[in-house]
Amino acid sequence: MELVLPLLLVMMLGFMFFSFRKQKKQMNETLQMQENLGVGTKVMTSTGLYGTVVGLGEDTVELEIAPGITTTWVRRAVAKVLTPEELNAPDIESIPEADTTPEVETEKRPEDR
């Protein structure tokens, strides 16, 4: 019974150590990705904006978000480089429009007759 508390403390410290280690590794991978950006790379920002890298500064990146429209972002705002599978997602124009006409009930209840 006396060993339960020290064992729990060791388990908690081990869990915290591995959690922090995983977070640090993930942060380093993200920083490495942001440092290795190149012109023409398709990316997504942390706010969900998709764009193509058209210019690079020391701490900034120029993204083309639509043909002829570029915006300047801090490099740290780039969340990920898009994979070919993500780039093959359907365009909004190619998604068929759903029929949004509400259905009207024509059948009457017995008490309405």
N, C-alpha and C. Protein backbone atom coordinates (compact mmCIF):
# COMPACT_ATOMS: atom_id res chain seq x y z
N MET A 1 0.81 -1.19 0.00
CA MET A 1 0.00 0.00 0.00
C MET A 1 0.86 1.26 0.00
N GLU A 2 2.05 1.17 0.62
CA GLU A 2 2.93 2.33 0.70
C GLU A 2 3.56 2.64 -0.65
N LEU A 3 3.57 1.67 -1.57
CA LEU A 3 4.21 1.87 -2.87
C LEU A 3 3.26 2.47 -3.91
N VAL A 4 1.99 2.56 -3.58
CA VAL A 4 1.01 3.03 -4.57
C VAL A 4 1.24 4.50 -4.93
N LEU A 5 1.43 5.35 -3.95
CA LEU A 5 1.61 6.78 -4.23
C LEU A 5 2.88 7.04 -5.03
N PRO A 6 4.03 6.50 -4.65
CA PRO A 6 5.23 6.73 -5.46
C PRO A 6 5.09 6.16 -6.88
N LEU A 7 4.43 5.03 -7.03
CA LEU A 7 4.23 4.44 -8.34
C LEU A 7 3.34 5.32 -9.21
N LEU A 8 2.28 5.88 -8.61
CA LEU A 8 1.42 6.80 -9.35
C LEU A 8 2.18 8.05 -9.78
N LEU A 9 3.02 8.59 -8.90
CA LEU A 9 3.81 9.77 -9.24
C LEU A 9 4.77 9.48 -10.39
N VAL A 10 5.42 8.34 -10.35
CA VAL A 10 6.34 7.95 -11.43
C VAL A 10 5.59 7.80 -12.74
N MET A 11 4.40 7.21 -12.70
CA MET A 11 3.60 7.04 -13.92
C MET A 11 3.17 8.39 -14.47
N MET A 12 2.75 9.31 -13.61
CA MET A 12 2.34 10.65 -14.06
C MET A 12 3.51 11.40 -14.67
N LEU A 13 4.67 11.34 -14.03
CA LEU A 13 5.85 12.02 -14.57
C LEU A 13 6.26 11.42 -15.91
N GLY A 14 6.17 10.12 -16.04
CA GLY A 14 6.48 9.47 -17.32
C GLY A 14 5.52 9.90 -18.41
N PHE A 15 4.24 9.96 -18.09
CA PHE A 15 3.25 10.41 -19.06
C PHE A 15 3.51 11.85 -19.49
N MET A 16 3.81 12.72 -18.52
CA MET A 16 4.08 14.12 -18.84
C MET A 16 5.34 14.24 -19.70
N PHE A 17 6.37 13.46 -19.39
CA PHE A 17 7.61 13.50 -20.16
C PHE A 17 7.36 13.14 -21.61
N PHE A 18 6.62 12.06 -21.86
CA PHE A 18 6.37 11.63 -23.23
C PHE A 18 5.42 12.57 -23.96
N SER A 19 4.48 13.19 -23.24
CA SER A 19 3.60 14.18 -23.86
C SER A 19 4.38 15.40 -24.33
N PHE A 20 5.23 15.92 -23.47
CA PHE A 20 6.03 17.09 -23.84
C PHE A 20 6.99 16.75 -24.98
N ARG A 21 7.53 15.56 -24.95
CA ARG A 21 8.46 15.12 -26.00
C ARG A 21 7.75 15.07 -27.35
N LYS A 22 6.53 14.54 -27.37
CA LYS A 22 5.76 14.44 -28.60
C LYS A 22 5.43 15.84 -29.13
N GLN A 23 5.01 16.75 -28.24
CA GLN A 23 4.69 18.12 -28.65
C GLN A 23 5.91 18.83 -29.22
N LYS A 24 7.06 18.65 -28.59
CA LYS A 24 8.28 19.29 -29.06
C LYS A 24 8.68 18.75 -30.43
N LYS A 25 8.55 17.46 -30.62
CA LYS A 25 8.88 16.85 -31.92
C LYS A 25 7.96 17.40 -33.01
N GLN A 26 6.67 17.49 -32.71
CA GLN A 26 5.69 18.00 -33.67
C GLN A 26 5.98 19.48 -34.00
N MET A 27 6.34 20.26 -32.99
CA MET A 27 6.65 21.67 -33.21
C MET A 27 7.90 21.81 -34.09
N ASN A 28 8.91 20.99 -33.84
CA ASN A 28 10.12 21.05 -34.65
C ASN A 28 9.84 20.66 -36.10
N GLU A 29 8.98 19.68 -36.33
CA GLU A 29 8.61 19.29 -37.69
C GLU A 29 7.89 20.43 -38.41
N THR A 30 7.00 21.13 -37.70
CA THR A 30 6.28 22.24 -38.29
C THR A 30 7.23 23.39 -38.63
N LEU A 31 8.16 23.71 -37.73
CA LEU A 31 9.13 24.76 -38.00
C LEU A 31 10.02 24.41 -39.19
N GLN A 32 10.42 23.15 -39.28
CA GLN A 32 11.23 22.69 -40.41
C GLN A 32 10.46 22.83 -41.72
N MET A 33 9.17 22.47 -41.71
CA MET A 33 8.33 22.59 -42.91
C MET A 33 8.22 24.06 -43.32
N GLN A 34 8.05 24.96 -42.35
CA GLN A 34 7.92 26.38 -42.65
C GLN A 34 9.23 26.96 -43.19
N GLU A 35 10.35 26.47 -42.72
CA GLU A 35 11.65 26.93 -43.22
C GLU A 35 11.92 26.44 -44.64
N ASN A 36 11.39 25.27 -45.01
CA ASN A 36 11.68 24.67 -46.31
C ASN A 36 10.63 24.98 -47.37
N LEU A 37 9.78 25.98 -47.15
CA LEU A 37 8.79 26.34 -48.15
C LEU A 37 9.48 26.85 -49.40
N GLY A 38 8.88 26.54 -50.56
CA GLY A 38 9.43 27.01 -51.82
C GLY A 38 8.33 27.62 -52.67
N VAL A 39 8.73 28.43 -53.64
CA VAL A 39 7.77 29.05 -54.55
C VAL A 39 7.06 27.94 -55.32
N GLY A 40 5.74 28.06 -55.43
CA GLY A 40 4.93 27.06 -56.13
C GLY A 40 4.31 26.02 -55.22
N THR A 41 4.69 26.01 -53.95
CA THR A 41 4.15 25.05 -52.99
C THR A 41 2.72 25.44 -52.63
N LYS A 42 1.82 24.48 -52.64
CA LYS A 42 0.44 24.72 -52.24
C LYS A 42 0.34 24.44 -50.75
N VAL A 43 -0.21 25.41 -50.00
CA VAL A 43 -0.25 25.32 -48.55
C VAL A 43 -1.62 25.69 -48.00
N MET A 44 -1.80 25.40 -46.71
CA MET A 44 -2.98 25.83 -45.98
C MET A 44 -2.49 26.56 -44.74
N THR A 45 -3.09 27.72 -44.45
CA THR A 45 -2.70 28.48 -43.26
C THR A 45 -3.42 27.93 -42.03
N SER A 46 -3.02 28.41 -40.88
CA SER A 46 -3.64 27.97 -39.63
C SER A 46 -5.10 28.40 -39.53
N THR A 47 -5.52 29.37 -40.35
CA THR A 47 -6.91 29.81 -40.35
C THR A 47 -7.75 29.09 -41.41
N GLY A 48 -7.12 28.18 -42.17
CA GLY A 48 -7.85 27.40 -43.16
C GLY A 48 -7.84 27.99 -44.55
N LEU A 49 -7.02 29.00 -44.80
CA LEU A 49 -6.94 29.62 -46.12
C LEU A 49 -5.97 28.82 -46.99
N TYR A 50 -6.41 28.47 -48.20
CA TYR A 50 -5.57 27.74 -49.14
C TYR A 50 -4.91 28.72 -50.08
N GLY A 51 -3.65 28.48 -50.42
CA GLY A 51 -2.95 29.35 -51.34
C GLY A 51 -1.70 28.70 -51.89
N THR A 52 -1.09 29.39 -52.85
CA THR A 52 0.15 28.94 -53.47
C THR A 52 1.24 29.95 -53.14
N VAL A 53 2.39 29.46 -52.70
CA VAL A 53 3.50 30.35 -52.36
C VAL A 53 4.04 30.97 -53.64
N VAL A 54 4.06 32.31 -53.67
CA VAL A 54 4.60 33.02 -54.84
C VAL A 54 5.80 33.89 -54.47
N GLY A 55 6.07 34.05 -53.19
CA GLY A 55 7.21 34.83 -52.76
C GLY A 55 7.56 34.51 -51.32
N LEU A 56 8.86 34.63 -51.01
CA LEU A 56 9.33 34.31 -49.67
C LEU A 56 10.19 35.44 -49.13
N GLY A 57 9.96 35.81 -47.89
CA GLY A 57 10.80 36.76 -47.18
C GLY A 57 11.45 36.03 -46.03
N GLU A 58 12.19 36.76 -45.22
CA GLU A 58 12.85 36.12 -44.08
C GLU A 58 11.83 35.54 -43.10
N ASP A 59 10.83 36.34 -42.75
CA ASP A 59 9.79 35.89 -41.82
C ASP A 59 8.40 35.88 -42.43
N THR A 60 8.30 36.19 -43.72
CA THR A 60 7.00 36.27 -44.37
C THR A 60 6.92 35.37 -45.58
N VAL A 61 5.69 35.17 -46.03
CA VAL A 61 5.44 34.37 -47.23
C VAL A 61 4.31 35.06 -47.99
N GLU A 62 4.46 35.15 -49.30
CA GLU A 62 3.42 35.72 -50.16
C GLU A 62 2.60 34.56 -50.71
N LEU A 63 1.29 34.60 -50.47
CA LEU A 63 0.40 33.54 -50.95
C LEU A 63 -0.54 34.10 -52.00
N GLU A 64 -0.67 33.36 -53.09
CA GLU A 64 -1.67 33.70 -54.10
C GLU A 64 -2.92 32.89 -53.73
N ILE A 65 -3.98 33.60 -53.35
CA ILE A 65 -5.18 32.94 -52.88
C ILE A 65 -6.24 32.82 -53.97
N ALA A 66 -6.08 33.59 -55.02
CA ALA A 66 -6.93 33.53 -56.21
C ALA A 66 -6.07 34.08 -57.34
N PRO A 67 -6.43 33.79 -58.59
CA PRO A 67 -5.61 34.28 -59.70
C PRO A 67 -5.41 35.80 -59.62
N GLY A 68 -4.15 36.21 -59.48
CA GLY A 68 -3.81 37.62 -59.44
C GLY A 68 -3.95 38.28 -58.08
N ILE A 69 -4.38 37.56 -57.06
CA ILE A 69 -4.57 38.14 -55.72
C ILE A 69 -3.55 37.50 -54.77
N THR A 70 -2.62 38.32 -54.27
CA THR A 70 -1.63 37.81 -53.34
C THR A 70 -1.77 38.52 -52.00
N THR A 71 -1.46 37.80 -50.96
CA THR A 71 -1.51 38.34 -49.60
C THR A 71 -0.21 37.98 -48.89
N THR A 72 0.18 38.78 -47.93
CA THR A 72 1.40 38.53 -47.16
C THR A 72 1.04 37.94 -45.81
N TRP A 73 1.72 36.86 -45.47
CA TRP A 73 1.48 36.15 -44.21
C TRP A 73 2.81 35.95 -43.48
N VAL A 74 2.73 35.82 -42.18
CA VAL A 74 3.89 35.42 -41.38
C VAL A 74 4.10 33.93 -41.66
N ARG A 75 5.36 33.51 -41.80
CA ARG A 75 5.64 32.09 -42.10
C ARG A 75 5.00 31.14 -41.10
N ARG A 76 4.95 31.55 -39.87
CA ARG A 76 4.39 30.68 -38.82
C ARG A 76 2.90 30.43 -38.99
N ALA A 77 2.25 31.20 -39.86
CA ALA A 77 0.82 31.00 -40.10
C ALA A 77 0.57 29.83 -41.04
N VAL A 78 1.61 29.35 -41.73
CA VAL A 78 1.45 28.20 -42.63
C VAL A 78 1.36 26.95 -41.77
N ALA A 79 0.22 26.27 -41.84
CA ALA A 79 -0.01 25.10 -41.00
C ALA A 79 0.48 23.82 -41.64
N LYS A 80 0.29 23.70 -42.98
CA LYS A 80 0.75 22.47 -43.62
C LYS A 80 0.87 22.66 -45.12
N VAL A 81 1.70 21.80 -45.70
CA VAL A 81 1.84 21.72 -47.15
C VAL A 81 0.81 20.70 -47.61
N LEU A 82 0.08 21.04 -48.67
CA LEU A 82 -0.99 20.17 -49.14
C LEU A 82 -0.44 19.00 -49.94
N THR A 83 -1.03 17.83 -49.71
CA THR A 83 -0.65 16.62 -50.44
C THR A 83 -1.43 16.55 -51.74
N PRO A 84 -0.98 15.73 -52.70
CA PRO A 84 -1.73 15.59 -53.96
C PRO A 84 -3.18 15.13 -53.75
N GLU A 85 -3.43 14.30 -52.74
CA GLU A 85 -4.80 13.85 -52.47
C GLU A 85 -5.68 15.03 -52.05
N GLU A 86 -5.13 15.91 -51.24
CA GLU A 86 -5.89 17.08 -50.80
C GLU A 86 -6.11 18.06 -51.95
N LEU A 87 -5.20 18.10 -52.89
CA LEU A 87 -5.33 19.00 -54.04
C LEU A 87 -6.38 18.51 -55.02
N ASN A 88 -6.71 17.21 -55.01
CA ASN A 88 -7.70 16.66 -55.92
C ASN A 88 -9.12 16.75 -55.39
N ALA A 89 -9.32 17.50 -54.33
CA ALA A 89 -10.67 17.70 -53.79
C ALA A 89 -11.51 18.43 -54.83
N PRO A 90 -12.82 18.14 -54.91
CA PRO A 90 -13.65 18.79 -55.92
C PRO A 90 -13.77 20.29 -55.69
N ASP A 91 -13.82 21.04 -56.79
CA ASP A 91 -14.05 22.48 -56.71
C ASP A 91 -15.51 22.72 -56.37
N ILE A 92 -15.80 23.87 -55.82
CA ILE A 92 -17.17 24.21 -55.44
C ILE A 92 -18.08 24.23 -56.67
N GLU A 93 -17.52 24.60 -57.84
CA GLU A 93 -18.32 24.65 -59.06
C GLU A 93 -18.71 23.26 -59.55
N SER A 94 -17.91 22.24 -59.20
CA SER A 94 -18.19 20.89 -59.70
C SER A 94 -19.16 20.11 -58.81
N ILE A 95 -19.52 20.67 -57.66
CA ILE A 95 -20.46 20.00 -56.77
C ILE A 95 -21.87 20.33 -57.23
N PRO A 96 -22.69 19.31 -57.51
CA PRO A 96 -24.05 19.61 -57.99
C PRO A 96 -24.86 20.31 -56.91
N GLU A 97 -25.69 21.22 -57.36
CA GLU A 97 -26.52 21.99 -56.43
C GLU A 97 -27.69 21.14 -55.98
N ALA A 98 -27.92 21.12 -54.69
CA ALA A 98 -29.02 20.33 -54.13
C ALA A 98 -30.34 21.07 -54.32
N ASP A 99 -31.40 20.31 -54.48
CA ASP A 99 -32.73 20.91 -54.58
C ASP A 99 -33.15 21.33 -53.18
N THR A 100 -33.27 22.63 -52.97
CA THR A 100 -33.58 23.15 -51.64
C THR A 100 -35.04 23.53 -51.48
N THR A 101 -35.88 23.11 -52.44
CA THR A 101 -37.31 23.41 -52.34
C THR A 101 -37.91 22.54 -51.25
N PRO A 102 -38.54 23.14 -50.25
CA PRO A 102 -39.12 22.32 -49.18
C PRO A 102 -40.34 21.54 -49.69
N GLU A 103 -40.44 20.34 -49.16
CA GLU A 103 -41.59 19.52 -49.54
C GLU A 103 -42.81 19.99 -48.75
N VAL A 104 -43.95 20.10 -49.44
CA VAL A 104 -45.18 20.55 -48.82
C VAL A 104 -46.09 19.34 -48.66
N GLU A 105 -46.56 19.15 -47.43
CA GLU A 105 -47.48 18.03 -47.18
C GLU A 105 -48.85 18.39 -47.71
N THR A 106 -49.38 17.53 -48.55
CA THR A 106 -50.71 17.79 -49.11
C THR A 106 -51.77 16.95 -48.43
N GLU A 107 -51.35 15.97 -47.68
CA GLU A 107 -52.31 15.10 -47.01
C GLU A 107 -52.88 15.81 -45.79
N LYS A 108 -54.19 15.80 -45.65
CA LYS A 108 -54.83 16.48 -44.53
C LYS A 108 -55.08 15.50 -43.40
N ARG A 109 -55.08 16.06 -42.21
CA ARG A 109 -55.39 15.25 -41.04
C ARG A 109 -56.91 15.03 -40.99
N PRO A 110 -57.35 13.96 -40.33
CA PRO A 110 -58.78 13.68 -40.25
C PRO A 110 -59.57 14.84 -39.63
N GLU A 111 -59.02 15.53 -38.66
CA GLU A 111 -59.77 16.61 -38.02
C GLU A 111 -59.84 17.86 -38.88
N ASP A 112 -58.99 17.96 -39.93
CA ASP A 112 -59.04 19.10 -40.84
C ASP A 112 -60.04 18.91 -41.97
N ARG A 113 -60.56 17.73 -42.17
CA ARG A 113 -61.46 17.45 -43.29
C ARG A 113 -62.84 17.93 -43.07
